[in-house]
PDB file of N, CA and C in Angstrom:
ATOM      1  N   MET A   1       0.842  -1.177   0.000  1.00  0.00           N
ATOM      2  CA  MET A   1       0.000   0.000   0.000  1.00  0.00           C
ATOM      3  C   MET A   1       0.894   1.248   0.000  1.00  0.00           C
ATOM      4  N   THR A   2       0.518   2.233  -0.805  1.00  0.00           N
ATOM      5  CA  THR A   2       1.282   3.473  -0.920  1.00  0.00           C
ATOM      6  C   THR A   2       0.666   4.538  -0.033  1.00  0.00           C
ATOM      7  N   THR A   3       1.514   5.227   0.729  1.00  0.00           N
ATOM      8  CA  THR A   3       1.028   6.332   1.549  1.00  0.00           C
ATOM      9  C   THR A   3       1.409   7.645   0.871  1.00  0.00           C
ATOM     10  N   ILE A   4       0.822   8.728   1.309  1.00  0.00           N
ATOM     11  CA  ILE A   4       1.087  10.029   0.702  1.00  0.00           C
ATOM     12  C   ILE A   4       2.567  10.380   0.760  1.00  0.00           C
ATOM     13  N   GLY A   5       3.233  10.049   1.811  1.00  0.00           N
ATOM     14  CA  GLY A   5       4.661  10.343   1.939  1.00  0.00           C
ATOM     15  C   GLY A   5       5.511   9.601   0.928  1.00  0.00           C
ATOM     16  N   GLN A   6       4.992   8.532   0.327  1.00  0.00           N
ATOM     17  CA  GLN A   6       5.745   7.745  -0.639  1.00  0.00           C
ATOM     18  C   GLN A   6       5.496   8.176  -2.081  1.00  0.00           C
ATOM     19  N   LEU A   7       4.509   9.013  -2.321  1.00  0.00           N
ATOM     20  CA  LEU A   7       4.199   9.420  -3.684  1.00  0.00           C
ATOM     21  C   LEU A   7       5.262  10.368  -4.224  1.00  0.00           C
ATOM     22  N   VAL A   8       5.673  10.134  -5.468  1.00  0.00           N
ATOM     23  CA  VAL A   8       6.646  10.993  -6.124  1.00  0.00           C
ATOM     24  C   VAL A   8       5.906  11.748  -7.226  1.00  0.00           C
ATOM     25  N   PRO A   9       5.856  13.082  -7.148  1.00  0.00           N
ATOM     26  CA  PRO A   9       5.157  13.845  -8.182  1.00  0.00           C
ATOM     27  C   PRO A   9       5.834  13.674  -9.541  1.00  0.00           C
ATOM     28  N   VAL A  10       5.017  13.621 -10.583  1.00  0.00           N
ATOM     29  CA  VAL A  10       5.539  13.518 -11.943  1.00  0.00           C
ATOM     30  C   VAL A  10       4.964  14.663 -12.770  1.00  0.00           C
ATOM     31  N   SER A  11       5.651  15.004 -13.848  1.00  0.00           N
ATOM     32  CA  SER A  11       5.193  16.070 -14.724  1.00  0.00           C
ATOM     33  C   SER A  11       3.834  15.697 -15.299  1.00  0.00           C
ATOM     34  N   ARG A  12       2.990  16.714 -15.486  1.00  0.00           N
ATOM     35  CA  ARG A  12       1.666  16.478 -16.045  1.00  0.00           C
ATOM     36  C   ARG A  12       1.237  17.706 -16.822  1.00  0.00           C
ATOM     37  N   ALA A  13       0.339  17.492 -17.774  1.00  0.00           N
ATOM     38  CA  ALA A  13      -0.101  18.573 -18.650  1.00  0.00           C
ATOM     39  C   ALA A  13      -1.623  18.645 -18.663  1.00  0.00           C
ATOM     40  N   VAL A  14      -2.131  19.869 -18.771  1.00  0.00           N
ATOM     41  CA  VAL A  14      -3.568  20.093 -18.867  1.00  0.00           C
ATOM     42  C   VAL A  14      -3.849  20.992 -20.064  1.00  0.00           C
ATOM     43  N   LEU A  15      -5.035  20.852 -20.624  1.00  0.00           N
ATOM     44  CA  LEU A  15      -5.472  21.652 -21.758  1.00  0.00           C
ATOM     45  C   LEU A  15      -6.463  22.682 -21.251  1.00  0.00           C
ATOM     46  N   ARG A  16      -6.183  23.962 -21.509  1.00  0.00           N
ATOM     47  CA  ARG A  16      -7.015  25.054 -21.006  1.00  0.00           C
ATOM     48  C   ARG A  16      -7.225  26.105 -22.093  1.00  0.00           C
ATOM     49  N   LEU A  17      -8.335  26.852 -21.986  1.00  0.00           N
ATOM     50  CA  LEU A  17      -8.553  27.984 -22.871  1.00  0.00           C
ATOM     51  C   LEU A  17      -7.508  29.057 -22.568  1.00  0.00           C
ATOM     52  N   VAL A  18      -7.082  29.768 -23.597  1.00  0.00           N
ATOM     53  CA  VAL A  18      -6.165  30.883 -23.396  1.00  0.00           C
ATOM     54  C   VAL A  18      -6.975  32.043 -22.822  1.00  0.00           C
ATOM     55  N   GLU A  19      -6.535  32.576 -21.716  1.00  0.00           N
ATOM     56  CA  GLU A  19      -7.241  33.660 -21.025  1.00  0.00           C
ATOM     57  C   GLU A  19      -6.738  35.019 -21.515  1.00  0.00           C
ATOM     58  N   PRO A  20      -7.626  36.020 -21.548  1.00  0.00           N
ATOM     59  CA  PRO A  20      -7.171  37.363 -21.937  1.00  0.00           C
ATOM     60  C   PRO A  20      -6.160  37.907 -20.928  1.00  0.00           C
ATOM     61  N   GLY A  21      -5.211  38.647 -21.440  1.00  0.00           N
ATOM     62  CA  GLY A  21      -4.222  39.274 -20.569  1.00  0.00           C
ATOM     63  C   GLY A  21      -3.050  38.384 -20.217  1.00  0.00           C
ATOM     64  N   GLY A  22      -3.040  37.166 -20.705  1.00  0.00           N
ATOM     65  CA  GLY A  22      -1.927  36.270 -20.410  1.00  0.00           C
ATOM     66  C   GLY A  22      -0.667  36.719 -21.133  1.00  0.00           C
ATOM     67  N   ASP A  23       0.469  36.442 -20.562  1.00  0.00           N
ATOM     68  CA  ASP A  23       1.745  36.830 -21.143  1.00  0.00           C
ATOM     69  C   ASP A  23       2.685  35.636 -21.062  1.00  0.00           C
ATOM     70  N   THR A  24       2.436  34.638 -21.917  1.00  0.00           N
ATOM     71  CA  THR A  24       3.262  33.441 -21.894  1.00  0.00           C
ATOM     72  C   THR A  24       3.851  33.200 -23.276  1.00  0.00           C
ATOM     73  N   THR A  25       4.892  32.395 -23.307  1.00  0.00           N
ATOM     74  CA  THR A  25       5.579  32.051 -24.539  1.00  0.00           C
ATOM     75  C   THR A  25       5.556  30.540 -24.703  1.00  0.00           C
ATOM     76  N   CYS A  26       5.298  30.094 -25.917  1.00  0.00           N
ATOM     77  CA  CYS A  26       5.274  28.665 -26.208  1.00  0.00           C
ATOM     78  C   CYS A  26       6.692  28.099 -26.091  1.00  0.00           C
ATOM     79  N   ARG A  27       6.822  27.061 -25.319  1.00  0.00           N
ATOM     80  CA  ARG A  27       8.122  26.417 -25.088  1.00  0.00           C
ATOM     81  C   ARG A  27       8.677  25.801 -26.366  1.00  0.00           C
ATOM     82  N   TYR A  28       7.802  25.422 -27.295  1.00  0.00           N
ATOM     83  CA  TYR A  28       8.215  24.716 -28.514  1.00  0.00           C
ATOM     84  C   TYR A  28       8.604  25.683 -29.636  1.00  0.00           C
ATOM     85  N   CYS A  29       7.717  26.640 -29.965  1.00  0.00           N
ATOM     86  CA  CYS A  29       7.991  27.541 -31.099  1.00  0.00           C
ATOM     87  C   CYS A  29       8.482  28.922 -30.668  1.00  0.00           C
ATOM     88  N   LEU A  30       8.458  29.195 -29.371  1.00  0.00           N
ATOM     89  CA  LEU A  30       8.923  30.449 -28.777  1.00  0.00           C
ATOM     90  C   LEU A  30       8.091  31.678 -29.164  1.00  0.00           C
ATOM     91  N   ALA A  31       6.906  31.453 -29.735  1.00  0.00           N
ATOM     92  CA  ALA A  31       5.990  32.554 -30.056  1.00  0.00           C
ATOM     93  C   ALA A  31       5.032  32.762 -28.879  1.00  0.00           C
ATOM     94  N   PRO A  32       4.476  33.967 -28.736  1.00  0.00           N
ATOM     95  CA  PRO A  32       3.526  34.220 -27.647  1.00  0.00           C
ATOM     96  C   PRO A  32       2.274  33.338 -27.775  1.00  0.00           C
ATOM     97  N   VAL A  33       1.747  32.939 -26.644  1.00  0.00           N
ATOM     98  CA  VAL A  33       0.466  32.234 -26.593  1.00  0.00           C
ATOM     99  C   VAL A  33      -0.573  33.321 -26.372  1.00  0.00           C
ATOM    100  N   LYS A  34      -1.308  33.665 -27.429  1.00  0.00           N
ATOM    101  CA  LYS A  34      -2.182  34.835 -27.397  1.00  0.00           C
ATOM    102  C   LYS A  34      -3.657  34.467 -27.314  1.00  0.00           C
ATOM    103  N   PHE A  35      -4.407  35.307 -26.614  1.00  0.00           N
ATOM    104  CA  PHE A  35      -5.858  35.215 -26.561  1.00  0.00           C
ATOM    105  C   PHE A  35      -6.421  35.813 -27.843  1.00  0.00           C
ATOM    106  N   LEU A  36      -7.347  35.108 -28.479  1.00  0.00           N
ATOM    107  CA  LEU A  36      -8.042  35.615 -29.660  1.00  0.00           C
ATOM    108  C   LEU A  36      -9.538  35.559 -29.364  1.00  0.00           C
ATOM    109  N   ALA A  37     -10.191  36.713 -29.365  1.00  0.00           N
ATOM    110  CA  ALA A  37     -11.597  36.796 -28.961  1.00  0.00           C
ATOM    111  C   ALA A  37     -12.515  35.970 -29.857  1.00  0.00           C
ATOM    112  N   ARG A  38     -12.256  35.932 -31.140  1.00  0.00           N
ATOM    113  CA  ARG A  38     -13.146  35.220 -32.060  1.00  0.00           C
ATOM    114  C   ARG A  38     -12.880  33.730 -32.128  1.00  0.00           C
ATOM    115  N   ALA A  39     -11.737  33.319 -31.701  1.00  0.00           N
ATOM    116  CA  ALA A  39     -11.382  31.898 -31.747  1.00  0.00           C
ATOM    117  C   ALA A  39     -11.134  31.407 -30.329  1.00  0.00           C
ATOM    118  N   LYS A  40     -11.719  30.321 -29.981  1.00  0.00           N
ATOM    119  CA  LYS A  40     -11.513  29.735 -28.653  1.00  0.00           C
ATOM    120  C   LYS A  40     -10.203  28.946 -28.666  1.00  0.00           C
ATOM    121  N   THR A  41      -9.086  29.674 -28.614  1.00  0.00           N
ATOM    122  CA  THR A  41      -7.783  29.015 -28.657  1.00  0.00           C
ATOM    123  C   THR A  41      -7.482  28.343 -27.325  1.00  0.00           C
ATOM    124  N   ARG A  42      -6.788  27.224 -27.422  1.00  0.00           N
ATOM    125  CA  ARG A  42      -6.428  26.474 -26.223  1.00  0.00           C
ATOM    126  C   ARG A  42      -4.918  26.359 -26.130  1.00  0.00           C
ATOM    127  N   GLN A  43      -4.468  26.179 -24.910  1.00  0.00           N
ATOM    128  CA  GLN A  43      -3.046  26.010 -24.658  1.00  0.00           C
ATOM    129  C   GLN A  43      -2.855  24.801 -23.759  1.00  0.00           C
ATOM    130  N   VAL A  44      -1.657  24.277 -23.769  1.00  0.00           N
ATOM    131  CA  VAL A  44      -1.284  23.212 -22.852  1.00  0.00           C
ATOM    132  C   VAL A  44      -0.380  23.833 -21.798  1.00  0.00           C
ATOM    133  N   ILE A  45      -0.708  23.590 -20.543  1.00  0.00           N
ATOM    134  CA  ILE A  45       0.091  24.063 -19.427  1.00  0.00           C
ATOM    135  C   ILE A  45       0.628  22.826 -18.712  1.00  0.00           C
ATOM    136  N   ALA A  46       1.936  22.768 -18.548  1.00  0.00           N
ATOM    137  CA  ALA A  46       2.553  21.596 -17.922  1.00  0.00           C
ATOM    138  C   ALA A  46       3.302  21.998 -16.654  1.00  0.00           C
ATOM    139  N   ASN A  47       3.020  21.298 -15.577  1.00  0.00           N
ATOM    140  CA  ASN A  47       3.818  21.398 -14.363  1.00  0.00           C
ATOM    141  C   ASN A  47       4.934  20.378 -14.512  1.00  0.00           C
ATOM    142  N   VAL A  48       6.165  20.854 -14.476  1.00  0.00           N
ATOM    143  CA  VAL A  48       7.318  19.996 -14.723  1.00  0.00           C
ATOM    144  C   VAL A  48       8.026  19.711 -13.402  1.00  0.00           C
ATOM    145  N   TYR A  49       8.220  18.427 -13.135  1.00  0.00           N
ATOM    146  CA  TYR A  49       8.938  17.987 -11.941  1.00  0.00           C
ATOM    147  C   TYR A  49      10.237  17.325 -12.368  1.00  0.00           C
ATOM    148  N   GLU A  50      11.304  17.597 -11.633  1.00  0.00           N
ATOM    149  CA  GLU A  50      12.602  16.971 -11.870  1.00  0.00           C
ATOM    150  C   GLU A  50      13.071  16.359 -10.562  1.00  0.00           C
ATOM    151  N   ASP A  51      13.423  15.095 -10.600  1.00  0.00           N
ATOM    152  CA  ASP A  51      13.847  14.360  -9.405  1.00  0.00           C
ATOM    153  C   ASP A  51      12.813  14.452  -8.290  1.00  0.00           C
ATOM    154  N   GLY A  52      11.529  14.403  -8.663  1.00  0.00           N
ATOM    155  CA  GLY A  52      10.458  14.417  -7.670  1.00  0.00           C
ATOM    156  C   GLY A  52      10.147  15.780  -7.082  1.00  0.00           C
ATOM    157  N   ARG A  53      10.769  16.830  -7.598  1.00  0.00           N
ATOM    158  CA  ARG A  53      10.541  18.196  -7.084  1.00  0.00           C
ATOM    159  C   ARG A  53      10.056  19.084  -8.214  1.00  0.00           C
ATOM    160  N   TRP A  54       9.111  19.984  -7.879  1.00  0.00           N
ATOM    161  CA  TRP A  54       8.597  20.912  -8.883  1.00  0.00           C
ATOM    162  C   TRP A  54       9.729  21.797  -9.378  1.00  0.00           C
ATOM    163  N   ALA A  55       9.835  21.956 -10.721  1.00  0.00           N
ATOM    164  CA  ALA A  55      10.909  22.755 -11.307  1.00  0.00           C
ATOM    165  C   ALA A  55      10.387  24.007 -12.015  1.00  0.00           C
ATOM    166  N   ARG A  56       9.278  23.867 -12.780  1.00  0.00           N
ATOM    167  CA  ARG A  56       8.795  25.007 -13.566  1.00  0.00           C
ATOM    168  C   ARG A  56       7.443  24.673 -14.199  1.00  0.00           C
ATOM    169  N   VAL A  57       6.859  25.709 -14.800  1.00  0.00           N
ATOM    170  CA  VAL A  57       5.647  25.560 -15.600  1.00  0.00           C
ATOM    171  C   VAL A  57       6.028  25.857 -17.043  1.00  0.00           C
ATOM    172  N   GLU A  58       5.557  25.033 -17.958  1.00  0.00           N
ATOM    173  CA  GLU A  58       5.798  25.263 -19.379  1.00  0.00           C
ATOM    174  C   GLU A  58       4.464  25.442 -20.083  1.00  0.00           C
ATOM    175  N   HIS A  59       4.410  26.373 -21.045  1.00  0.00           N
ATOM    176  CA  HIS A  59       3.211  26.638 -21.829  1.00  0.00           C
ATOM    177  C   HIS A  59       3.480  26.271 -23.283  1.00  0.00           C
ATOM    178  N   PHE A  60       2.458  25.736 -23.953  1.00  0.00           N
ATOM    179  CA  PHE A  60       2.551  25.361 -25.356  1.00  0.00           C
ATOM    180  C   PHE A  60       1.261  25.749 -26.068  1.00  0.00           C
ATOM    181  N   HIS A  61       1.357  26.101 -27.360  1.00  0.00           N
ATOM    182  CA  HIS A  61       0.160  26.131 -28.189  1.00  0.00           C
ATOM    183  C   HIS A  61      -0.310  24.673 -28.266  1.00  0.00           C
ATOM    184  N   GLU A  62      -1.596  24.467 -28.388  1.00  0.00           N
ATOM    185  CA  GLU A  62      -2.113  23.093 -28.430  1.00  0.00           C
ATOM    186  C   GLU A  62      -1.438  22.279 -29.530  1.00  0.00           C
ATOM    187  N   GLU A  63      -1.313  22.847 -30.731  1.00  0.00           N
ATOM    188  CA  GLU A  63      -0.710  22.115 -31.847  1.00  0.00           C
ATOM    189  C   GLU A  63       0.800  21.936 -31.664  1.00  0.00           C
ATOM    190  N   CYS A  64       1.457  22.875 -31.014  1.00  0.00           N
ATOM    191  CA  CYS A  64       2.895  22.738 -30.756  1.00  0.00           C
ATOM    192  C   CYS A  64       3.172  21.605 -29.780  1.00  0.00           C
ATOM    193  N   TYR A  65       2.286  21.419 -28.804  1.00  0.00           N
ATOM    194  CA  TYR A  65       2.478  20.336 -27.841  1.00  0.00           C
ATOM    195  C   TYR A  65       2.454  18.985 -28.559  1.00  0.00           C
ATOM    196  N   GLN A  66       1.546  18.853 -29.508  1.00  0.00           N
ATOM    197  CA  GLN A  66       1.496  17.611 -30.297  1.00  0.00           C
ATOM    198  C   GLN A  66       2.773  17.469 -31.126  1.00  0.00           C
ATOM    199  N   GLY A  67       3.202  18.575 -31.748  1.00  0.00           N
ATOM    200  CA  GLY A  67       4.415  18.552 -32.563  1.00  0.00           C
ATOM    201  C   GLY A  67       5.668  18.236 -31.764  1.00  0.00           C
ATOM    202  N   ALA A  68       5.660  18.597 -30.493  1.00  0.00           N
ATOM    203  CA  ALA A  68       6.807  18.322 -29.621  1.00  0.00           C
ATOM    204  C   ALA A  68       6.806  16.875 -29.131  1.00  0.00           C
ATOM    205  N   GLY A  69       5.775  16.118 -29.500  1.00  0.00           N
ATOM    206  CA  GLY A  69       5.709  14.715 -29.082  1.00  0.00           C
ATOM    207  C   GLY A  69       5.124  14.519 -27.700  1.00  0.00           C
ATOM    208  N   ARG A  70       4.296  15.485 -27.244  1.00  0.00           N
ATOM    209  CA  ARG A  70       3.645  15.429 -25.924  1.00  0.00           C
ATOM    210  C   ARG A  70       4.662  15.075 -24.829  1.00  0.00           C
ATOM    211  N   PRO A  71       5.643  15.977 -24.606  1.00  0.00           N
ATOM    212  CA  PRO A  71       6.738  15.675 -23.684  1.00  0.00           C
ATOM    213  C   PRO A  71       6.327  15.416 -22.227  1.00  0.00           C
ATOM    214  N   HIS A  72       5.152  15.835 -21.831  1.00  0.00           N
ATOM    215  CA  HIS A  72       4.715  15.628 -20.444  1.00  0.00           C
ATOM    216  C   HIS A  72       3.455  14.776 -20.384  1.00  0.00           C
ATOM    217  N   GLY A  73       3.267  13.929 -21.386  1.00  0.00           N
ATOM    218  CA  GLY A  73       2.131  13.040 -21.418  1.00  0.00           C
ATOM    219  C   GLY A  73       0.905  13.653 -22.073  1.00  0.00           C
ATOM    220  N   GLU A  74      -0.154  12.894 -22.108  1.00  0.00           N
ATOM    221  CA  GLU A  74      -1.408  13.353 -22.714  1.00  0.00           C
ATOM    222  C   GLU A  74      -1.966  14.516 -21.900  1.00  0.00           C
ATOM    223  N   ALA A  75      -2.312  15.599 -22.591  1.00  0.00           N
ATOM    224  CA  ALA A  75      -2.871  16.784 -21.907  1.00  0.00           C
ATOM    225  C   ALA A  75      -4.326  16.508 -21.572  1.00  0.00           C
ATOM    226  N   LYS A  76      -4.649  16.574 -20.307  1.00  0.00           N
ATOM    227  CA  LYS A  76      -6.024  16.325 -19.838  1.00  0.00           C
ATOM    228  C   LYS A  76      -6.809  17.626 -19.831  1.00  0.00           C
ATOM    229  N   ALA A  77      -8.063  17.532 -20.205  1.00  0.00           N
ATOM    230  CA  ALA A  77      -8.929  18.720 -20.221  1.00  0.00           C
ATOM    231  C   ALA A  77      -9.398  19.051 -18.816  1.00  0.00           C
TER     232      ALA A  77
END
């Protein structure tokens, strides 16, 4: 049986709508992840863990995340 103290966090990705006023850059193409009022654009946000410790957050355009080979697993909605 696994207890909470034994769990090791792993990197994970989620798919979210791009919010107005955001100021992020796509980790893959290095272009801004921009809000577009007429298009419901989505982004992938990944919490990245290294050696079981949180290291950073990475942002991707939805299509760039696929092009990068989904480096942090399947993005959950």
